[in-house]
N, C-alpha and C. Protein backbone atom coordinates (compact mmCIF):
# COMPACT_ATOMS: atom_id res chain seq x y z
N MET A 1 17.71 -1.12 8.44
CA MET A 1 17.10 -2.40 7.95
C MET A 1 15.60 -2.06 7.98
N ALA A 2 14.96 -2.47 6.83
CA ALA A 2 13.57 -2.32 6.53
C ALA A 2 12.88 -2.31 7.56
N ARG A 3 11.64 -1.33 7.18
CA ARG A 3 10.84 -1.34 7.40
C ARG A 3 9.73 -1.32 6.58
N LEU A 4 8.50 -1.76 7.68
CA LEU A 4 6.87 -2.30 6.67
C LEU A 4 6.65 -1.41 6.51
N LEU A 5 5.87 -0.12 5.85
CA LEU A 5 5.23 0.95 5.45
C LEU A 5 4.15 0.82 4.68
N TYR A 6 2.53 0.61 4.91
CA TYR A 6 1.22 0.86 4.39
C TYR A 6 0.94 2.07 4.01
N SER A 7 1.48 1.89 3.16
CA SER A 7 0.65 3.58 2.25
C SER A 7 -0.11 3.24 1.10
N ALA A 8 -1.24 3.98 0.83
CA ALA A 8 -3.20 3.78 0.48
C ALA A 8 -3.09 5.25 0.02
N THR A 9 -3.70 6.00 -0.41
CA THR A 9 -4.82 7.47 -0.79
C THR A 9 -6.49 6.68 -0.53
N MET A 10 -7.15 7.10 0.10
CA MET A 10 -7.82 6.79 1.12
C MET A 10 -9.05 8.45 1.01
N SER A 11 -9.96 7.72 0.63
CA SER A 11 -11.97 9.21 0.39
C SER A 11 -11.99 9.36 2.04
N LEU A 12 -12.26 10.31 2.20
CA LEU A 12 -12.31 11.00 3.16
C LEU A 12 -13.41 9.97 4.48
N ASP A 13 -14.14 9.12 3.40
CA ASP A 13 -14.93 8.21 4.70
C ASP A 13 -14.35 7.00 4.64
N GLY A 14 -13.43 6.59 4.36
CA GLY A 14 -12.59 6.07 4.94
C GLY A 14 -11.71 4.34 3.76
N PHE A 15 -12.45 4.85 2.47
CA PHE A 15 -12.62 3.48 1.18
C PHE A 15 -10.87 4.07 0.50
N ILE A 16 -10.37 2.82 -0.10
CA ILE A 16 -9.35 2.84 -0.71
C ILE A 16 -9.31 2.15 -2.37
N ALA A 17 -9.94 1.55 -2.11
CA ALA A 17 -11.02 1.45 -3.47
C ALA A 17 -12.76 0.81 -3.91
N GLY A 18 -13.27 2.25 -4.86
CA GLY A 18 -14.56 1.81 -4.90
C GLY A 18 -15.14 0.06 -4.56
N PRO A 19 -16.79 0.11 -4.62
CA PRO A 19 -16.92 -1.12 -4.57
C PRO A 19 -16.55 -2.35 -6.13
N GLY A 20 -16.34 -3.42 -5.56
CA GLY A 20 -15.47 -4.42 -6.56
C GLY A 20 -13.73 -4.36 -6.50
N GLY A 21 -13.55 -3.14 -6.12
CA GLY A 21 -12.44 -3.02 -6.16
C GLY A 21 -11.88 -1.58 -7.17
N ASP A 22 -12.77 -1.02 -7.29
CA ASP A 22 -12.62 -0.49 -8.50
C ASP A 22 -11.41 0.80 -8.24
N MET A 23 -10.41 1.25 -9.30
CA MET A 23 -9.44 2.24 -8.09
C MET A 23 -9.38 3.74 -9.66
N SER A 24 -10.67 4.01 -10.63
CA SER A 24 -10.86 4.61 -11.43
C SER A 24 -11.22 5.59 -10.87
N TRP A 25 -11.88 5.71 -9.87
CA TRP A 25 -12.26 7.00 -8.54
C TRP A 25 -10.75 8.01 -8.35
N LEU A 26 -9.45 7.12 -8.24
CA LEU A 26 -8.09 7.96 -7.89
C LEU A 26 -7.43 8.57 -8.69
N THR A 27 -7.74 8.17 -10.14
CA THR A 27 -7.45 9.75 -10.95
C THR A 27 -7.18 10.89 -11.02
N SER A 28 -8.53 11.33 -10.67
CA SER A 28 -8.52 12.88 -10.53
C SER A 28 -7.72 13.62 -9.06
N TYR A 29 -7.48 12.77 -8.71
CA TYR A 29 -6.45 12.94 -6.91
C TYR A 29 -5.20 12.59 -7.15
N LEU A 30 -4.71 12.43 -8.84
CA LEU A 30 -3.66 11.90 -8.88
C LEU A 30 -2.61 13.23 -8.96
N GLY A 31 -1.54 13.62 -8.44
CA GLY A 31 -0.50 14.98 -8.83
C GLY A 31 -0.10 15.00 -8.11
N PRO A 32 0.93 16.29 -8.52
CA PRO A 32 1.96 16.32 -7.36
C PRO A 32 1.93 16.46 -6.18
N ASN A 33 2.99 15.84 -5.73
CA ASN A 33 2.16 15.62 -4.48
C ASN A 33 4.54 14.96 -3.66
N PRO A 34 4.47 16.27 -2.80
CA PRO A 34 6.23 16.58 -2.83
C PRO A 34 6.11 14.63 -1.43
N THR A 35 5.83 15.03 -0.83
CA THR A 35 5.67 13.83 0.40
C THR A 35 5.78 12.13 -0.36
N ALA A 36 4.65 11.74 -1.34
CA ALA A 36 4.94 10.58 -2.84
C ALA A 36 5.65 10.65 -3.62
N ASP A 37 6.30 11.70 -4.24
CA ASP A 37 7.36 11.51 -5.03
C ASP A 37 8.65 11.33 -4.09
N GLU A 38 8.76 12.24 -3.02
CA GLU A 38 10.21 11.68 -2.30
C GLU A 38 9.96 9.98 -1.22
N LEU A 39 8.74 9.80 -1.20
CA LEU A 39 8.71 8.13 -0.76
C LEU A 39 8.77 7.45 -2.24
N VAL A 40 8.68 7.46 -3.15
CA VAL A 40 9.46 6.64 -4.20
C VAL A 40 10.49 6.28 -4.22
N GLY A 41 11.56 6.73 -3.92
CA GLY A 41 13.50 6.75 -4.11
C GLY A 41 13.23 5.45 -2.33
N ARG A 42 12.54 6.18 -1.50
CA ARG A 42 12.39 5.17 -0.37
C ARG A 42 12.24 4.01 0.03
N ILE A 43 11.90 3.67 -1.29
CA ILE A 43 10.64 2.04 -1.41
C ILE A 43 12.13 0.93 -2.35
N GLY A 44 12.68 0.00 -1.86
CA GLY A 44 13.34 -0.81 -1.83
C GLY A 44 13.08 -2.61 -2.23
N ALA A 45 11.56 -2.29 -1.63
CA ALA A 45 10.85 -3.83 -2.67
C ALA A 45 8.76 -4.05 -1.84
N LEU A 46 8.48 -3.99 -2.41
CA LEU A 46 7.18 -4.23 -2.31
C LEU A 46 6.28 -5.33 -1.51
N LEU A 47 5.20 -5.63 -1.01
CA LEU A 47 4.99 -6.60 -0.71
C LEU A 47 3.32 -6.36 -1.23
N ILE A 48 2.58 -6.74 -1.84
CA ILE A 48 1.51 -6.94 -2.66
C ILE A 48 0.75 -8.43 -1.86
N GLY A 49 -0.22 -8.05 -1.76
CA GLY A 49 -2.00 -8.53 -2.08
C GLY A 49 -2.08 -9.08 -2.91
N ARG A 50 -2.71 -11.18 -3.33
CA ARG A 50 -2.73 -11.06 -4.84
C ARG A 50 -4.40 -10.47 -5.47
N ARG A 51 -5.39 -10.08 -4.45
CA ARG A 51 -5.89 -9.36 -5.12
C ARG A 51 -5.82 -8.46 -5.80
N THR A 52 -4.50 -7.24 -4.94
CA THR A 52 -4.14 -5.75 -5.19
C THR A 52 -3.50 -6.36 -6.84
N PHE A 53 -2.51 -7.48 -6.57
CA PHE A 53 -1.59 -7.51 -7.64
C PHE A 53 -2.77 -7.87 -8.80
N GLY A 54 -3.13 -8.40 -9.02
CA GLY A 54 -4.47 -8.39 -9.63
C GLY A 54 -5.02 -8.00 -11.00
N GLY A 55 -5.70 -7.32 -9.12
CA GLY A 55 -6.72 -5.84 -9.37
C GLY A 55 -6.23 -4.23 -10.79
N ASP A 56 -7.42 -4.13 -10.36
CA ASP A 56 -7.61 -1.91 -10.56
C ASP A 56 -6.26 -1.80 -11.18
N ASP A 57 -5.75 -1.10 -12.33
CA ASP A 57 -4.43 0.15 -11.73
C ASP A 57 -5.52 1.03 -12.66
N PRO A 58 -5.93 2.33 -11.93
CA PRO A 58 -6.47 3.15 -12.71
C PRO A 58 -5.47 4.64 -13.89
N ASN A 59 -4.35 3.23 -14.18
CA ASN A 59 -3.39 4.45 -15.05
C ASN A 59 -3.09 2.72 -16.29
N ARG A 60 -3.60 1.49 -16.13
CA ARG A 60 -3.29 0.68 -16.60
C ARG A 60 -4.30 0.79 -18.58
N GLY A 61 -2.76 0.78 -19.46
CA GLY A 61 -2.64 0.89 -20.58
C GLY A 61 -2.57 3.03 -20.80
N THR A 62 -1.62 3.13 -19.88
CA THR A 62 -1.03 4.31 -20.08
C THR A 62 0.68 3.81 -19.15
N ASP A 63 1.26 5.58 -19.57
CA ASP A 63 2.96 5.29 -19.37
C ASP A 63 2.84 5.20 -17.95
N LYS A 64 2.32 6.11 -17.06
CA LYS A 64 2.01 5.16 -15.75
C LYS A 64 1.24 4.36 -14.90
N GLU A 65 1.62 3.48 -16.15
CA GLU A 65 1.32 1.91 -15.54
C GLU A 65 2.21 1.59 -14.36
N GLY A 66 1.40 1.27 -13.14
CA GLY A 66 2.10 0.45 -12.51
C GLY A 66 2.00 0.87 -10.89
N ALA A 67 3.39 0.47 -10.19
CA ALA A 67 2.93 1.40 -8.33
C ALA A 67 3.95 2.80 -8.76
N PHE A 68 3.28 3.34 -7.41
CA PHE A 68 3.71 4.49 -7.93
C PHE A 68 2.84 5.37 -9.32
N GLY A 69 2.61 5.32 -9.75
CA GLY A 69 2.10 6.19 -11.36
C GLY A 69 3.45 5.59 -12.75
N GLY A 70 3.76 4.07 -12.59
CA GLY A 70 4.93 3.89 -13.19
C GLY A 70 6.26 4.46 -12.70
N ALA A 71 6.52 5.37 -11.63
CA ALA A 71 8.10 5.32 -11.23
C ALA A 71 8.21 4.82 -9.88
N TRP A 72 8.02 3.64 -10.12
CA TRP A 72 8.75 2.65 -8.90
C TRP A 72 9.40 1.59 -9.72
N THR A 73 10.40 0.83 -9.81
CA THR A 73 10.72 -0.68 -9.91
C THR A 73 11.29 -1.04 -9.31
N GLY A 74 10.74 -2.14 -8.92
CA GLY A 74 12.00 -3.23 -8.13
C GLY A 74 11.30 -4.62 -7.67
N PRO A 75 11.43 -5.10 -6.66
CA PRO A 75 11.44 -6.45 -6.68
C PRO A 75 9.88 -6.26 -5.58
N GLN A 76 9.19 -7.26 -6.12
CA GLN A 76 7.98 -7.11 -5.44
C GLN A 76 7.77 -8.86 -5.51
N PHE A 77 6.99 -9.00 -3.70
CA PHE A 77 6.51 -10.42 -3.36
C PHE A 77 4.71 -9.97 -2.93
N VAL A 78 4.17 -11.40 -3.71
CA VAL A 78 3.10 -11.33 -3.79
C VAL A 78 2.15 -12.60 -2.78
N LEU A 79 1.73 -11.93 -1.59
CA LEU A 79 1.34 -13.21 -0.48
C LEU A 79 0.18 -13.80 -1.10
N THR A 80 0.33 -14.72 -1.98
CA THR A 80 -1.03 -15.74 -1.70
C THR A 80 -0.80 -17.36 -2.19
N HIS A 81 -1.97 -17.75 -2.30
CA HIS A 81 -2.44 -19.76 -1.66
C HIS A 81 -2.29 -20.11 -3.14
N ASP A 82 -2.21 -18.99 -4.32
CA ASP A 82 -3.01 -19.59 -5.84
C ASP A 82 -1.87 -18.57 -6.59
N ALA A 83 -0.70 -19.26 -6.47
CA ALA A 83 0.72 -18.64 -7.74
C ALA A 83 0.30 -19.33 -9.04
N PRO A 84 0.64 -18.30 -10.05
CA PRO A 84 0.46 -18.96 -11.51
C PRO A 84 2.01 -19.79 -11.23
N ASP A 85 1.54 -20.36 -12.89
CA ASP A 85 2.87 -20.94 -12.91
C ASP A 85 4.23 -20.86 -13.10
N VAL A 86 3.74 -18.93 -13.86
CA VAL A 86 5.15 -18.80 -14.40
C VAL A 86 4.83 -17.06 -13.84
N ALA A 87 6.13 -16.59 -12.75
CA ALA A 87 5.84 -15.91 -12.74
C ALA A 87 6.45 -14.59 -12.93
N PRO A 88 5.64 -13.40 -13.54
CA PRO A 88 6.75 -12.65 -14.02
C PRO A 88 7.88 -11.82 -13.72
N PRO A 89 8.99 -11.14 -14.75
CA PRO A 89 10.16 -10.81 -13.87
C PRO A 89 9.79 -9.96 -12.71
N GLY A 90 10.78 -10.54 -11.95
CA GLY A 90 10.85 -9.35 -10.91
C GLY A 90 9.51 -9.67 -9.79
N VAL A 91 8.93 -10.96 -10.10
CA VAL A 91 7.62 -10.79 -8.61
C VAL A 91 8.20 -12.49 -7.52
N THR A 92 7.23 -12.33 -6.95
CA THR A 92 8.14 -13.98 -6.32
C THR A 92 6.89 -13.98 -5.64
N PHE A 93 6.25 -15.01 -5.79
CA PHE A 93 4.56 -15.24 -5.31
C PHE A 93 5.06 -16.37 -3.90
N VAL A 94 4.98 -15.69 -2.96
CA VAL A 94 4.52 -16.42 -1.84
C VAL A 94 3.81 -16.91 -1.12
N ASP A 95 3.34 -17.92 -0.28
CA ASP A 95 1.62 -18.33 0.51
C ASP A 95 2.24 -18.34 2.13
N ASP A 96 3.58 -17.72 2.23
CA ASP A 96 3.47 -17.58 4.21
C ASP A 96 3.70 -15.91 4.29
N LEU A 97 2.72 -15.55 5.12
CA LEU A 97 3.39 -13.90 5.69
C LEU A 97 4.52 -13.70 6.15
N ALA A 98 4.85 -14.63 7.02
CA ALA A 98 6.69 -14.09 7.65
C ALA A 98 7.31 -14.50 6.59
N ALA A 99 7.19 -15.69 5.60
CA ALA A 99 7.99 -15.62 4.74
C ALA A 99 8.14 -14.20 4.04
N ALA A 100 6.30 -14.25 3.51
CA ALA A 100 6.94 -13.39 2.86
C ALA A 100 7.91 -11.50 3.09
N VAL A 101 7.05 -12.03 3.69
CA VAL A 101 8.04 -9.96 4.92
C VAL A 101 9.25 -10.42 4.61
N ALA A 102 10.19 -11.50 5.84
CA ALA A 102 11.50 -11.87 5.50
C ALA A 102 11.83 -11.14 3.59
N GLY A 103 11.59 -12.13 2.87
CA GLY A 103 11.95 -11.90 1.51
C GLY A 103 11.86 -10.51 1.06
N ALA A 104 10.61 -9.57 1.51
CA ALA A 104 10.76 -8.01 0.84
C ALA A 104 12.02 -7.34 1.41
N LYS A 105 11.77 -7.52 3.38
CA LYS A 105 12.30 -6.52 3.62
C LYS A 105 14.20 -7.13 3.09
N ALA A 106 14.70 -8.55 3.08
CA ALA A 106 15.47 -8.58 2.98
C ALA A 106 16.13 -7.95 1.37
N ALA A 107 15.03 -8.24 0.74
CA ALA A 107 15.52 -7.56 -0.85
C ALA A 107 15.60 -6.05 -1.02
N ALA A 108 14.25 -5.04 0.20
CA ALA A 108 14.60 -3.45 0.34
C ALA A 108 15.94 -3.65 1.04
N GLY A 109 16.84 -4.15 1.52
CA GLY A 109 18.05 -3.80 2.63
C GLY A 109 17.63 -3.12 3.27
N ASP A 110 18.03 -1.39 3.58
CA ASP A 110 17.62 -0.12 4.69
C ASP A 110 16.53 0.35 3.68
N LYS A 111 16.31 0.12 2.80
CA LYS A 111 14.64 1.39 2.48
C LYS A 111 13.36 0.54 3.29
N TYR A 112 12.27 0.70 2.69
CA TYR A 112 11.25 0.01 3.04
C TYR A 112 10.75 -0.74 1.76
N VAL A 113 9.60 -1.09 2.93
CA VAL A 113 8.97 -2.16 1.95
C VAL A 113 7.76 -1.23 2.78
N ASN A 114 7.07 -1.58 0.97
CA ASN A 114 5.30 -0.63 1.04
C ASN A 114 4.52 -2.12 0.64
N ILE A 115 3.45 -1.83 1.64
CA ILE A 115 2.77 -2.38 1.55
C ILE A 115 1.53 -2.13 0.28
N LEU A 116 1.08 -2.80 -0.64
CA LEU A 116 0.25 -2.92 -1.36
C LEU A 116 -1.27 -3.60 -1.25
N GLY A 117 -2.39 -3.08 -0.96
CA GLY A 117 -3.59 -4.56 -0.20
C GLY A 117 -3.77 -4.09 0.98
N ALA A 118 -4.98 -3.74 1.76
CA ALA A 118 -5.79 -3.59 2.03
C ALA A 118 -5.55 -4.81 3.46
N ASN A 119 -5.77 -6.13 2.80
CA ASN A 119 -6.22 -7.08 3.90
C ASN A 119 -4.60 -7.33 4.12
N ILE A 120 -3.69 -7.45 3.22
CA ILE A 120 -2.35 -7.68 3.80
C ILE A 120 -1.54 -6.59 4.56
N ALA A 121 -1.84 -5.49 4.86
CA ALA A 121 -1.61 -4.56 5.79
C ALA A 121 -2.42 -5.43 6.73
N GLN A 122 -3.37 -5.50 6.93
CA GLN A 122 -4.29 -5.62 8.27
C GLN A 122 -4.09 -7.01 8.76
N GLN A 123 -2.85 -8.00 7.70
CA GLN A 123 -2.46 -9.05 8.74
C GLN A 123 -0.89 -8.77 9.39
N CYS A 124 -0.80 -7.77 8.55
CA CYS A 124 0.91 -7.07 9.54
C CYS A 124 0.37 -6.65 10.43
N LEU A 125 -0.70 -5.50 10.81
CA LEU A 125 -0.77 -4.74 11.88
C LEU A 125 -1.18 -6.17 12.64
N GLN A 126 -2.41 -6.84 12.10
CA GLN A 126 -2.24 -8.02 13.14
C GLN A 126 -1.22 -8.88 13.58
N THR A 127 -0.14 -8.87 12.50
CA THR A 127 1.04 -10.09 13.76
C THR A 127 1.89 -8.72 14.31
N GLY A 128 2.11 -7.64 14.23
CA GLY A 128 2.56 -6.45 14.79
C GLY A 128 4.13 -6.79 13.95
N VAL A 129 4.00 -6.74 12.59
CA VAL A 129 5.00 -6.51 11.64
C VAL A 129 4.98 -5.59 10.94
N LEU A 130 4.25 -4.54 11.16
CA LEU A 130 3.88 -3.11 10.61
C LEU A 130 4.96 -1.72 11.44
N ASP A 131 5.26 -1.74 10.52
CA ASP A 131 6.16 0.08 11.40
C ASP A 131 4.82 1.16 11.22
N GLU A 132 4.66 2.02 9.97
CA GLU A 132 3.95 2.58 10.00
C GLU A 132 2.91 2.70 9.02
N ILE A 133 2.30 3.67 8.85
CA ILE A 133 1.53 3.91 8.12
C ILE A 133 1.54 5.35 7.39
N LEU A 134 1.83 5.84 6.23
CA LEU A 134 1.21 6.79 5.53
C LEU A 134 0.17 6.67 4.57
N VAL A 135 -0.93 7.88 5.08
CA VAL A 135 -2.20 7.71 4.42
C VAL A 135 -2.67 9.61 3.54
N PHE A 136 -2.90 8.99 1.99
CA PHE A 136 -2.86 10.58 1.38
C PHE A 136 -4.50 10.68 1.52
N VAL A 137 -4.97 11.94 2.02
CA VAL A 137 -6.97 11.43 2.45
C VAL A 137 -6.95 12.50 0.96
N ALA A 138 -7.84 12.09 0.34
CA ALA A 138 -8.50 11.98 -0.57
C ALA A 138 -9.64 13.29 -0.72
N PRO A 139 -9.91 14.56 -1.01
CA PRO A 139 -11.27 15.00 -0.58
C PRO A 139 -13.22 14.52 -1.65
N VAL A 140 -12.52 13.12 -1.00
CA VAL A 140 -14.45 12.86 -2.04
C VAL A 140 -14.62 11.44 -0.92
N LEU A 141 -15.99 11.53 -0.88
CA LEU A 141 -16.63 10.82 -0.47
C LEU A 141 -16.75 9.63 -1.21
N LEU A 142 -16.47 8.06 -1.04
CA LEU A 142 -17.05 6.97 -2.15
C LEU A 142 -17.97 6.48 -1.54
N GLY A 143 -18.30 6.19 -0.59
CA GLY A 143 -19.46 6.02 0.28
C GLY A 143 -19.76 4.03 -0.25
N ASP A 144 -19.23 3.54 -0.75
CA ASP A 144 -18.59 1.59 -0.73
C ASP A 144 -17.33 1.67 -1.29
N GLY A 145 -16.53 0.70 -1.04
CA GLY A 145 -15.52 -0.09 -0.83
C GLY A 145 -15.56 -0.86 0.05
N VAL A 146 -13.34 -1.11 -0.63
CA VAL A 146 -12.49 -1.26 0.02
C VAL A 146 -12.21 -0.23 1.46
N ARG A 147 -11.70 -0.81 2.66
CA ARG A 147 -11.66 -0.20 3.71
C ARG A 147 -10.52 -0.20 3.87
N LEU A 148 -9.60 1.36 4.17
CA LEU A 148 -8.47 1.48 5.09
C LEU A 148 -8.00 0.20 5.55
N PHE A 149 -8.72 0.03 6.50
CA PHE A 149 -8.66 -1.13 7.44
C PHE A 149 -9.67 -1.44 8.16
N ASP A 150 -10.36 -2.84 7.56
CA ASP A 150 -11.68 -3.34 8.02
C ASP A 150 -11.59 -4.29 9.88
N HIS A 151 -11.62 -4.42 10.60
CA HIS A 151 -11.93 -5.32 10.82
C HIS A 151 -13.20 -4.94 12.58
N PRO A 152 -13.99 -5.08 12.09
CA PRO A 152 -15.64 -5.03 13.06
C PRO A 152 -15.05 -5.41 14.40
N GLY A 153 -14.78 -4.36 15.43
CA GLY A 153 -14.70 -5.89 16.86
C GLY A 153 -13.46 -5.54 17.01
N GLY A 154 -12.54 -4.80 16.52
CA GLY A 154 -10.41 -5.92 16.50
C GLY A 154 -10.21 -4.89 17.59
N THR A 155 -8.62 -4.57 17.57
CA THR A 155 -8.07 -4.48 18.73
C THR A 155 -8.28 -2.81 18.16
N HIS A 156 -7.40 -2.26 19.70
CA HIS A 156 -7.25 -0.77 19.14
C HIS A 156 -5.65 -0.71 19.23
N VAL A 157 -5.11 0.00 18.01
CA VAL A 157 -3.31 0.27 18.42
C VAL A 157 -3.83 1.65 18.49
N ARG A 158 -3.02 1.83 18.47
CA ARG A 158 -2.23 3.07 19.13
C ARG A 158 -0.77 3.70 17.48
N LEU A 159 -0.85 4.78 17.01
CA LEU A 159 -0.42 5.52 16.58
C LEU A 159 0.64 6.93 16.84
N GLU A 160 1.60 6.82 16.44
CA GLU A 160 2.40 7.92 16.51
C GLU A 160 2.18 9.11 15.43
N ARG A 161 1.79 9.96 15.49
CA ARG A 161 1.87 10.78 14.88
C ARG A 161 2.57 11.85 13.62
N PHE A 162 4.00 11.25 12.68
CA PHE A 162 5.13 12.27 13.42
C PHE A 162 5.47 13.45 12.07
N GLU A 163 4.23 13.20 10.64
CA GLU A 163 4.01 14.31 9.74
C GLU A 163 2.90 14.50 9.18
N VAL A 164 2.35 15.19 8.97
CA VAL A 164 0.91 15.67 8.39
C VAL A 164 1.84 17.27 6.98
N SER A 165 1.21 17.21 5.85
CA SER A 165 1.59 18.51 4.81
C SER A 165 0.24 17.21 4.21
N GLN A 166 0.08 18.89 3.42
CA GLN A 166 -0.95 19.37 2.36
C GLN A 166 -0.33 19.49 1.04
N ALA A 167 -1.10 18.97 -0.05
CA ALA A 167 -0.32 18.81 -1.38
C ALA A 167 -1.80 19.39 -1.65
N PRO A 168 -1.84 19.97 -3.44
CA PRO A 168 -3.27 20.32 -4.02
C PRO A 168 -4.03 19.51 -3.88
N LEU A 169 -4.22 18.45 -3.41
CA LEU A 169 -5.23 17.11 -4.26
C LEU A 169 -4.77 15.95 -2.90
N ALA A 170 -4.77 16.66 -1.99
CA ALA A 170 -4.21 15.23 -0.94
C ALA A 170 -3.39 15.67 0.00
N THR A 171 -4.04 15.44 1.00
CA THR A 171 -3.44 15.66 3.01
C THR A 171 -2.85 14.63 2.92
N SER A 172 -1.20 14.60 3.41
CA SER A 172 -1.36 12.90 3.88
C SER A 172 -0.56 12.92 5.30
N ILE A 173 -0.90 11.83 6.56
CA ILE A 173 -0.62 11.66 7.92
C ILE A 173 -0.15 10.65 7.83
N TRP A 174 1.22 10.60 8.22
CA TRP A 174 1.92 9.51 8.11
C TRP A 174 2.55 9.53 9.57
N CYS A 175 2.03 7.85 10.44
CA CYS A 175 2.20 7.66 11.84
C CYS A 175 2.80 6.37 11.84
N ARG A 176 3.44 5.78 13.16
CA ARG A 176 4.27 5.23 13.50
C ARG A 176 2.96 4.42 14.37
N VAL A 177 3.62 3.18 14.21
CA VAL A 177 2.12 1.92 15.20
C VAL A 177 2.88 2.07 16.38
N LEU A 178 2.35 1.83 17.00
CA LEU A 178 2.86 1.68 19.06
C LEU A 178 2.17 0.03 19.07
N GLY A 179 1.24 0.13 18.67
CA GLY A 179 0.99 -1.03 19.03
C GLY A 179 -0.29 -1.28 19.56
């Protein structure tokens, strides 16, 4: 059965994108990473927030454009209340979180549904459907931007760390969400 995984590269001060969603900072920290490379083959579908879907790609215009540096292809489910009239091939626009999660899980089979986007990850965490979090911590301080999780005054969420690894450009921390 598919599990929901939120994976992202984060600056040491907690940002996954710079101001305005700028992802250009990330290009300096993309490179060989066994954890990320192995993960790509374990993803069966993507669950994406609308801003992330239409946002900045640090590899735009290159052969590495797209999810996971262009290494991943498959079904994508975009949570939005503003769907375009015509969806790109392989992309389903859904306006309800539960329906988006159900559709992505069905499409993923026994693989991961990988979440892209801080807001949708926060919604999944708040509704109790997020299973795991994988953070690649890059050695940089961005100072401002989009946080990995941003919920001032939010609830305490327990995590169980089950894997930590280090690659030349980032350290990864993989946790189960316990509640």
